[in-house]
Amino acid sequence: MTKTLAEARSYAQTVRQALGDGGIPGVQPFVCPPATALAEVARVFRGSPVLVGAQNAHWADGGAWTGELSVPQVADAGADLVEIGHSERREHFAETDEVVRRKVDAALRHGLIALLCCGEPASTFAAGRSVPHVLAQVESALGGVNDVEDLSRVVIAYEPVWAIGEHGRPAEPAEVAEVHAALADRWPGVRAVLHGGSVNRVNAPRLLELPGVDGVFVGRAAWRAEGFLELLDLARRETAERR
């Protein structure tokens, strides 16, 4: 819940000017602006390599859901993807695994990319139960997705709940390596698996080196356009080294 319309427009214009139309080979940038700025940010990035996502959408195509936005509506506003199941929505808005599954189905049904968030709380991590917890979340959301094309439009964002937000503790690569390896092994057909949770320009290179990590999902460190561009440059260098 950051940025006015003018601030979001300025952010998008700065990034668009820096990246141009060609983008960065091997790197897929995306941004998820607030709903009030979705259409304008999509307009600025039209024709560029930057994908634009909605931070949330309802599972129904329409109806008496006052205050909600449907997948067709966010697609009409220019969204390429929909963020689904973020831990803040699970915690504060009581989104269950069943709700997340319905939203994933809606996004895929309308041809959008489903950005599926998953992650374990601190107590589960401390108990050594991170892998089964996260796999169960993803299985609940994707267990019914059997079509190869549909699966290729799913991006999994693993964000340990204890690493998210202002008071989160950035994860050490060794603490999350097992979860990423398990996700990569169980869901090889997805578009990408990202790591999120207090990602910044210092820890991003080490996280990107982990097997099974295709990219990063960044919050506060990318709130400024300059910070986002710095992280994209880190991703460019990591991609070049892999080649």
C-alpha atoms as a PDB file:
ATOM      1  CA  MET A   1       0.000   0.000   0.000  1.00  0.00           C
ATOM      2  CA  THR A   2       2.513   2.558  -1.249  1.00  0.00           C
ATOM      3  CA  LYS A   3       2.552   5.275  -3.910  1.00  0.00           C
ATOM      4  CA  THR A   4      -0.025   7.702  -5.173  1.00  0.00           C
ATOM      5  CA  LEU A   5      -0.949   7.671  -8.838  1.00  0.00           C
ATOM      6  CA  ALA A   6       1.613  10.394  -9.594  1.00  0.00           C
ATOM      7  CA  GLU A   7       4.348   8.553  -7.675  1.00  0.00           C
ATOM      8  CA  ALA A   8       3.601   5.268  -9.418  1.00  0.00           C
ATOM      9  CA  ARG A   9       3.656   6.978 -12.817  1.00  0.00           C
ATOM     10  CA  SER A  10       7.013   8.608 -12.073  1.00  0.00           C
ATOM     11  CA  TYR A  11       8.451   5.278 -10.893  1.00  0.00           C
ATOM     12  CA  ALA A  12       7.289   3.495 -14.038  1.00  0.00           C
ATOM     13  CA  GLN A  13       8.594   6.252 -16.329  1.00  0.00           C
ATOM     14  CA  THR A  14      12.023   6.134 -14.669  1.00  0.00           C
ATOM     15  CA  VAL A  15      12.265   2.359 -15.086  1.00  0.00           C
ATOM     16  CA  ARG A  16      10.915   2.433 -18.642  1.00  0.00           C
ATOM     17  CA  GLN A  17      13.446   5.057 -19.692  1.00  0.00           C
ATOM     18  CA  ALA A  18      16.323   3.127 -18.120  1.00  0.00           C
ATOM     19  CA  LEU A  19      15.389  -0.230 -19.674  1.00  0.00           C
ATOM     20  CA  GLY A  20      14.134   0.953 -23.052  1.00  0.00           C
ATOM     21  CA  ASP A  21      12.281  -1.486 -25.266  1.00  0.00           C
ATOM     22  CA  GLY A  22      14.980  -4.139 -25.357  1.00  0.00           C
ATOM     23  CA  GLY A  23      15.192  -4.910 -21.670  1.00  0.00           C
ATOM     24  CA  ILE A  24      17.867  -7.151 -20.168  1.00  0.00           C
ATOM     25  CA  PRO A  25      18.621 -10.483 -21.883  1.00  0.00           C
ATOM     26  CA  GLY A  26      17.707 -13.387 -19.633  1.00  0.00           C
ATOM     27  CA  VAL A  27      15.958 -11.206 -17.037  1.00  0.00           C
ATOM     28  CA  GLN A  28      12.174 -10.804 -16.723  1.00  0.00           C
ATOM     29  CA  PRO A  29      11.247  -7.709 -14.679  1.00  0.00           C
ATOM     30  CA  PHE A  30       7.777  -7.235 -13.217  1.00  0.00           C
ATOM     31  CA  VAL A  31       6.079  -4.751 -10.911  1.00  0.00           C
ATOM     32  CA  CYS A  32       2.874  -4.976  -8.856  1.00  0.00           C
ATOM     33  CA  PRO A  33       1.515  -1.458  -8.284  1.00  0.00           C
ATOM     34  CA  PRO A  34      -1.527  -0.657  -6.136  1.00  0.00           C
ATOM     35  CA  ALA A  35      -4.891  -1.111  -7.853  1.00  0.00           C
ATOM     36  CA  THR A  36      -5.401   2.654  -8.217  1.00  0.00           C
ATOM     37  CA  ALA A  37      -2.290   2.864 -10.412  1.00  0.00           C
ATOM     38  CA  LEU A  38      -2.545  -0.447 -12.265  1.00  0.00           C
ATOM     39  CA  ALA A  39      -3.932   0.908 -15.543  1.00  0.00           C
ATOM     40  CA  GLU A  40      -1.540   3.868 -15.658  1.00  0.00           C
ATOM     41  CA  VAL A  41       1.552   1.803 -14.882  1.00  0.00           C
ATOM     42  CA  ALA A  42       0.483  -0.735 -17.510  1.00  0.00           C
ATOM     43  CA  ARG A  43       0.120   2.119 -20.004  1.00  0.00           C
ATOM     44  CA  VAL A  44       3.661   3.358 -19.302  1.00  0.00           C
ATOM     45  CA  PHE A  45       5.139  -0.127 -19.703  1.00  0.00           C
ATOM     46  CA  ARG A  46       3.109  -1.068 -22.785  1.00  0.00           C
ATOM     47  CA  GLY A  47       5.498  -2.393 -25.444  1.00  0.00           C
ATOM     48  CA  SER A  48       8.304  -2.852 -22.918  1.00  0.00           C
ATOM     49  CA  PRO A  49       9.634  -6.105 -21.418  1.00  0.00           C
ATOM     50  CA  VAL A  50       8.275  -5.226 -17.962  1.00  0.00           C
ATOM     51  CA  LEU A  51       5.246  -7.246 -16.867  1.00  0.00           C
ATOM     52  CA  VAL A  52       2.642  -5.603 -14.676  1.00  0.00           C
ATOM     53  CA  GLY A  53       0.793  -7.433 -11.917  1.00  0.00           C
ATOM     54  CA  ALA A  54      -2.204  -6.881  -9.685  1.00  0.00           C
ATOM     55  CA  GLN A  55      -1.559  -7.365  -5.974  1.00  0.00           C
ATOM     56  CA  ASN A  56      -4.792  -9.301  -5.601  1.00  0.00           C
ATOM     57  CA  ALA A  57      -7.971 -10.341  -7.419  1.00  0.00           C
ATOM     58  CA  HIS A  58     -11.171 -12.179  -6.539  1.00  0.00           C
ATOM     59  CA  TRP A  59     -11.906 -15.706  -7.747  1.00  0.00           C
ATOM     60  CA  ALA A  60     -15.310 -14.808  -9.228  1.00  0.00           C
ATOM     61  CA  ASP A  61     -15.662 -13.234 -12.651  1.00  0.00           C
ATOM     62  CA  GLY A  62     -18.280 -10.805 -11.334  1.00  0.00           C
ATOM     63  CA  GLY A  63     -21.173 -10.438  -8.942  1.00  0.00           C
ATOM     64  CA  ALA A  64     -22.054  -9.014  -5.539  1.00  0.00           C
ATOM     65  CA  TRP A  65     -18.541  -8.715  -4.123  1.00  0.00           C
ATOM     66  CA  THR A  66     -18.429  -5.049  -3.141  1.00  0.00           C
ATOM     67  CA  GLY A  67     -14.900  -3.664  -2.923  1.00  0.00           C
ATOM     68  CA  GLU A  68     -13.314  -6.566  -4.794  1.00  0.00           C
ATOM     69  CA  LEU A  69     -11.723  -6.700  -8.259  1.00  0.00           C
ATOM     70  CA  SER A  70     -12.120  -9.666 -10.588  1.00  0.00           C
ATOM     71  CA  VAL A  71      -9.412 -11.209 -12.750  1.00  0.00           C
ATOM     72  CA  PRO A  72     -11.183  -9.957 -15.932  1.00  0.00           C
ATOM     73  CA  GLN A  73     -11.164  -6.443 -14.452  1.00  0.00           C
ATOM     74  CA  VAL A  74      -7.456  -6.399 -13.623  1.00  0.00           C
ATOM     75  CA  ALA A  75      -6.694  -7.942 -17.025  1.00  0.00           C
ATOM     76  CA  ASP A  76      -8.749  -5.177 -18.630  1.00  0.00           C
ATOM     77  CA  ALA A  77      -6.643  -2.641 -16.692  1.00  0.00           C
ATOM     78  CA  GLY A  78      -3.484  -4.123 -18.237  1.00  0.00           C
ATOM     79  CA  ALA A  79      -2.335  -6.747 -15.749  1.00  0.00           C
ATOM     80  CA  ASP A  80      -0.199  -9.625 -17.025  1.00  0.00           C
ATOM     81  CA  LEU A  81      -0.128 -11.440 -13.712  1.00  0.00           C
ATOM     82  CA  VAL A  82      -1.933 -11.668 -10.375  1.00  0.00           C
ATOM     83  CA  GLU A  83      -0.240 -11.973  -7.005  1.00  0.00           C
ATOM     84  CA  ILE A  84      -2.055 -14.620  -4.978  1.00  0.00           C
ATOM     85  CA  GLY A  85      -1.846 -15.820  -1.382  1.00  0.00           C
ATOM     86  CA  HIS A  86       0.647 -13.355   0.063  1.00  0.00           C
ATOM     87  CA  SER A  87       1.215 -14.069   3.761  1.00  0.00           C
ATOM     88  CA  GLU A  88      -0.243 -10.690   4.731  1.00  0.00           C
ATOM     89  CA  ARG A  89      -3.501 -11.592   3.011  1.00  0.00           C
ATOM     90  CA  ARG A  90      -3.500 -15.033   4.604  1.00  0.00           C
ATOM     91  CA  GLU A  91      -2.910 -13.521   8.049  1.00  0.00           C
ATOM     92  CA  HIS A  92      -4.954 -10.314   7.980  1.00  0.00           C
ATOM     93  CA  PHE A  93      -7.723 -11.219   5.536  1.00  0.00           C
ATOM     94  CA  ALA A  94      -8.140 -14.873   6.514  1.00  0.00           C
ATOM     95  CA  GLU A  95      -7.318 -16.239   3.057  1.00  0.00           C
ATOM     96  CA  THR A  96      -7.285 -20.011   3.278  1.00  0.00           C
ATOM     97  CA  ASP A  97      -5.626 -22.547   1.004  1.00  0.00           C
ATOM     98  CA  GLU A  98      -9.036 -23.058  -0.624  1.00  0.00           C
ATOM     99  CA  VAL A  99      -9.378 -19.342  -1.391  1.00  0.00           C
ATOM    100  CA  VAL A 100      -5.873 -19.326  -2.833  1.00  0.00           C
ATOM    101  CA  ARG A 101      -6.717 -22.318  -5.031  1.00  0.00           C
ATOM    102  CA  ARG A 102      -9.799 -20.586  -6.402  1.00  0.00           C
ATOM    103  CA  LYS A 103      -7.809 -17.462  -7.215  1.00  0.00           C
ATOM    104  CA  VAL A 104      -5.103 -19.458  -8.985  1.00  0.00           C
ATOM    105  CA  ASP A 105      -7.787 -21.195 -11.047  1.00  0.00           C
ATOM    106  CA  ALA A 106      -9.334 -17.831 -11.966  1.00  0.00           C
ATOM    107  CA  ALA A 107      -6.012 -16.326 -13.047  1.00  0.00           C
ATOM    108  CA  LEU A 108      -5.150 -19.318 -15.227  1.00  0.00           C
ATOM    109  CA  ARG A 109      -8.671 -19.521 -16.650  1.00  0.00           C
ATOM    110  CA  HIS A 110      -8.289 -15.990 -17.987  1.00  0.00           C
ATOM    111  CA  GLY A 111      -4.793 -16.467 -19.364  1.00  0.00           C
ATOM    112  CA  LEU A 112      -2.866 -14.498 -16.754  1.00  0.00           C
ATOM    113  CA  ILE A 113       0.261 -15.533 -14.875  1.00  0.00           C
ATOM    114  CA  ALA A 114      -0.501 -16.738 -11.339  1.00  0.00           C
ATOM    115  CA  LEU A 115       2.131 -15.473  -8.919  1.00  0.00           C
ATOM    116  CA  LEU A 116       1.571 -17.951  -6.102  1.00  0.00           C
ATOM    117  CA  CYS A 117       3.021 -16.948  -2.725  1.00  0.00           C
ATOM    118  CA  CYS A 118       3.904 -19.531  -0.092  1.00  0.00           C
ATOM    119  CA  GLY A 119       5.891 -19.617   3.124  1.00  0.00           C
ATOM    120  CA  GLU A 120       6.064 -20.894   6.679  1.00  0.00           C
ATOM    121  CA  PRO A 121       5.763 -19.015   9.990  1.00  0.00           C
ATOM    122  CA  ALA A 122       8.663 -18.789  12.442  1.00  0.00           C
ATOM    123  CA  SER A 123       7.306 -21.583  14.663  1.00  0.00           C
ATOM    124  CA  THR A 124       7.170 -24.018  11.739  1.00  0.00           C
ATOM    125  CA  PHE A 125      10.689 -23.047  10.667  1.00  0.00           C
ATOM    126  CA  ALA A 126      11.988 -23.560  14.216  1.00  0.00           C
ATOM    127  CA  ALA A 127      10.376 -26.999  14.319  1.00  0.00           C
ATOM    128  CA  GLY A 128      12.138 -28.036  11.128  1.00  0.00           C
ATOM    129  CA  ARG A 129       8.848 -28.420   9.248  1.00  0.00           C
ATOM    130  CA  SER A 130       9.382 -25.820   6.510  1.00  0.00           C
ATOM    131  CA  VAL A 131       9.496 -28.229   3.559  1.00  0.00           C
ATOM    132  CA  PRO A 132       6.261 -30.159   4.243  1.00  0.00           C
ATOM    133  CA  HIS A 133       4.435 -26.933   5.184  1.00  0.00           C
ATOM    134  CA  VAL A 134       5.366 -25.134   1.977  1.00  0.00           C
ATOM    135  CA  LEU A 135       4.824 -28.147  -0.258  1.00  0.00           C
ATOM    136  CA  ALA A 136       1.367 -28.626   1.241  1.00  0.00           C
ATOM    137  CA  GLN A 137       0.472 -24.992   0.507  1.00  0.00           C
ATOM    138  CA  VAL A 138       1.570 -25.293  -3.110  1.00  0.00           C
ATOM    139  CA  GLU A 139      -0.035 -28.709  -3.557  1.00  0.00           C
ATOM    140  CA  SER A 140      -3.336 -27.287  -2.350  1.00  0.00           C
ATOM    141  CA  ALA A 141      -3.117 -24.440  -4.857  1.00  0.00           C
ATOM    142  CA  LEU A 142      -1.794 -26.398  -7.833  1.00  0.00           C
ATOM    143  CA  GLY A 143      -2.920 -29.965  -7.233  1.00  0.00           C
ATOM    144  CA  GLY A 144      -5.677 -29.629  -9.803  1.00  0.00           C
ATOM    145  CA  VAL A 145      -3.504 -27.916 -12.435  1.00  0.00           C
ATOM    146  CA  ASN A 146      -2.658 -30.708 -14.856  1.00  0.00           C
ATOM    147  CA  ASP A 147      -2.380 -28.836 -18.136  1.00  0.00           C
ATOM    148  CA  VAL A 148       1.250 -28.200 -19.102  1.00  0.00           C
ATOM    149  CA  GLU A 149       0.440 -24.806 -20.591  1.00  0.00           C
ATOM    150  CA  ASP A 150      -1.401 -23.732 -17.439  1.00  0.00           C
ATOM    151  CA  LEU A 151       1.474 -24.829 -15.240  1.00  0.00           C
ATOM    152  CA  SER A 152       3.901 -22.846 -17.378  1.00  0.00           C
ATOM    153  CA  ARG A 153       1.973 -19.711 -16.386  1.00  0.00           C
ATOM    154  CA  VAL A 154       2.569 -20.260 -12.671  1.00  0.00           C
ATOM    155  CA  VAL A 155       5.325 -18.459 -10.791  1.00  0.00           C
ATOM    156  CA  ILE A 156       5.960 -19.676  -7.241  1.00  0.00           C
ATOM    157  CA  ALA A 157       7.247 -17.062  -4.796  1.00  0.00           C
ATOM    158  CA  TYR A 158       8.630 -18.665  -1.647  1.00  0.00           C
ATOM    159  CA  GLU A 159       8.628 -16.088   1.144  1.00  0.00           C
ATOM    160  CA  PRO A 160       9.353 -17.330   4.670  1.00  0.00           C
ATOM    161  CA  VAL A 161       6.880 -15.408   6.835  1.00  0.00           C
ATOM    162  CA  TRP A 162       9.602 -14.738   9.406  1.00  0.00           C
ATOM    163  CA  ALA A 163      11.646 -12.939   6.740  1.00  0.00           C
ATOM    164  CA  ILE A 164       8.911 -10.587   5.484  1.00  0.00           C
ATOM    165  CA  GLY A 165       8.320  -6.960   6.336  1.00  0.00           C
ATOM    166  CA  GLU A 166       9.971  -4.217   8.319  1.00  0.00           C
ATOM    167  CA  HIS A 167      10.741  -6.503  11.260  1.00  0.00           C
ATOM    168  CA  GLY A 168      11.589  -9.577   9.219  1.00  0.00           C
ATOM    169  CA  ARG A 169      14.961 -11.279   9.416  1.00  0.00           C
ATOM    170  CA  PRO A 170      16.621 -11.840   6.037  1.00  0.00           C
ATOM    171  CA  ALA A 171      17.038 -15.548   5.410  1.00  0.00           C
ATOM    172  CA  GLU A 172      20.477 -17.057   5.069  1.00  0.00           C
ATOM    173  CA  PRO A 173      20.769 -19.124   1.879  1.00  0.00           C
ATOM    174  CA  ALA A 174      21.412 -22.294   3.886  1.00  0.00           C
ATOM    175  CA  GLU A 175      18.129 -21.777   5.767  1.00  0.00           C
ATOM    176  CA  VAL A 176      16.001 -21.818   2.618  1.00  0.00           C
ATOM    177  CA  ALA A 177      18.005 -24.046   0.285  1.00  0.00           C
ATOM    178  CA  GLU A 178      16.082 -27.217   1.206  1.00  0.00           C
ATOM    179  CA  VAL A 179      12.695 -25.622   0.494  1.00  0.00           C
ATOM    180  CA  HIS A 180      13.821 -24.314  -2.884  1.00  0.00           C
ATOM    181  CA  ALA A 181      15.282 -27.695  -3.818  1.00  0.00           C
ATOM    182  CA  ALA A 182      11.993 -29.373  -2.852  1.00  0.00           C
ATOM    183  CA  LEU A 183       9.919 -26.906  -4.882  1.00  0.00           C
ATOM    184  CA  ALA A 184      12.120 -27.323  -7.931  1.00  0.00           C
ATOM    185  CA  ASP A 185      11.913 -31.100  -7.644  1.00  0.00           C
ATOM    186  CA  ARG A 186       8.138 -31.208  -7.141  1.00  0.00           C
ATOM    187  CA  TRP A 187       7.124 -28.520  -9.654  1.00  0.00           C
ATOM    188  CA  PRO A 188       9.636 -28.555 -12.533  1.00  0.00           C
ATOM    189  CA  GLY A 189       7.021 -27.351 -15.021  1.00  0.00           C
ATOM    190  CA  VAL A 190       6.323 -23.941 -13.494  1.00  0.00           C
ATOM    191  CA  ARG A 191       7.513 -20.768 -15.175  1.00  0.00           C
ATOM    192  CA  ALA A 192       9.832 -19.825 -12.302  1.00  0.00           C
ATOM    193  CA  VAL A 193      10.473 -20.159  -8.583  1.00  0.00           C
ATOM    194  CA  LEU A 194      11.386 -16.921  -6.815  1.00  0.00           C
ATOM    195  CA  HIS A 195      12.712 -16.124  -3.374  1.00  0.00           C
ATOM    196  CA  GLY A 196      11.212 -13.273  -1.372  1.00  0.00           C
ATOM    197  CA  GLY A 197      11.401 -11.819   2.103  1.00  0.00           C
ATOM    198  CA  SER A 198      13.754  -8.940   2.964  1.00  0.00           C
ATOM    199  CA  VAL A 199      15.640  -9.358  -0.306  1.00  0.00           C
ATOM    200  CA  ASN A 200      18.104  -6.525  -0.934  1.00  0.00           C
ATOM    201  CA  ARG A 201      21.147  -5.713  -3.043  1.00  0.00           C
ATOM    202  CA  VAL A 202      23.455  -7.307  -0.435  1.00  0.00           C
ATOM    203  CA  ASN A 203      21.830 -10.732  -0.086  1.00  0.00           C
ATOM    204  CA  ALA A 204      20.293 -11.044  -3.563  1.00  0.00           C
ATOM    205  CA  PRO A 205      23.473 -12.363  -5.262  1.00  0.00           C
ATOM    206  CA  ARG A 206      23.828 -15.207  -2.744  1.00  0.00           C
ATOM    207  CA  LEU A 207      20.145 -16.100  -3.003  1.00  0.00           C
ATOM    208  CA  LEU A 208      20.296 -16.135  -6.800  1.00  0.00           C
ATOM    209  CA  GLU A 209      23.148 -18.651  -6.614  1.00  0.00           C
ATOM    210  CA  LEU A 210      20.940 -21.237  -4.868  1.00  0.00           C
ATOM    211  CA  PRO A 211      19.858 -24.212  -6.990  1.00  0.00           C
ATOM    212  CA  GLY A 212      16.177 -23.922  -7.800  1.00  0.00           C
ATOM    213  CA  VAL A 213      16.055 -20.129  -7.434  1.00  0.00           C
ATOM    214  CA  ASP A 214      15.151 -18.474 -10.739  1.00  0.00           C
ATOM    215  CA  GLY A 215      14.764 -14.946  -9.427  1.00  0.00           C
ATOM    216  CA  VAL A 216      13.808 -12.753  -6.497  1.00  0.00           C
ATOM    217  CA  PHE A 217      10.552 -11.188  -5.324  1.00  0.00           C
ATOM    218  CA  VAL A 218      11.397  -7.839  -3.764  1.00  0.00           C
ATOM    219  CA  GLY A 219       9.448  -5.444  -1.569  1.00  0.00           C
ATOM    220  CA  ARG A 220      11.003  -2.514   0.287  1.00  0.00           C
ATOM    221  CA  ALA A 221      14.356  -2.645  -1.507  1.00  0.00           C
ATOM    222  CA  ALA A 222      12.539  -1.929  -4.791  1.00  0.00           C
ATOM    223  CA  TRP A 223      10.159   0.788  -3.571  1.00  0.00           C
ATOM    224  CA  ARG A 224      12.466   3.348  -5.230  1.00  0.00           C
ATOM    225  CA  ALA A 225      12.988   3.015  -8.972  1.00  0.00           C
ATOM    226  CA  GLU A 226      16.738   3.310  -8.439  1.00  0.00           C
ATOM    227  CA  GLY A 227      16.679   0.364  -6.028  1.00  0.00           C
ATOM    228  CA  PHE A 228      14.699  -1.745  -8.499  1.00  0.00           C
ATOM    229  CA  LEU A 229      17.148  -0.921 -11.288  1.00  0.00           C
ATOM    230  CA  GLU A 230      20.118  -1.834  -9.073  1.00  0.00           C
ATOM    231  CA  LEU A 231      18.583  -5.239  -8.397  1.00  0.00           C
ATOM    232  CA  LEU A 232      17.899  -5.765 -12.100  1.00  0.00           C
ATOM    233  CA  ASP A 233      21.570  -5.057 -12.766  1.00  0.00           C
ATOM    234  CA  LEU A 234      22.529  -7.683 -10.176  1.00  0.00           C
ATOM    235  CA  ALA A 235      20.215 -10.149 -11.924  1.00  0.00           C
ATOM    236  CA  ARG A 236      21.838  -9.266 -15.255  1.00  0.00           C
ATOM    237  CA  ARG A 237      25.277 -10.048 -13.884  1.00  0.00           C
ATOM    238  CA  GLU A 238      24.127 -13.319 -12.333  1.00  0.00           C
ATOM    239  CA  THR A 239      22.496 -14.360 -15.624  1.00  0.00           C
ATOM    240  CA  ALA A 240      25.673 -13.552 -17.537  1.00  0.00           C
ATOM    241  CA  GLU A 241      27.762 -15.655 -15.135  1.00  0.00           C
ATOM    242  CA  ARG A 242      25.409 -18.637 -15.538  1.00  0.00           C
ATOM    243  CA  ARG A 243      25.876 -18.472 -19.284  1.00  0.00           C
END
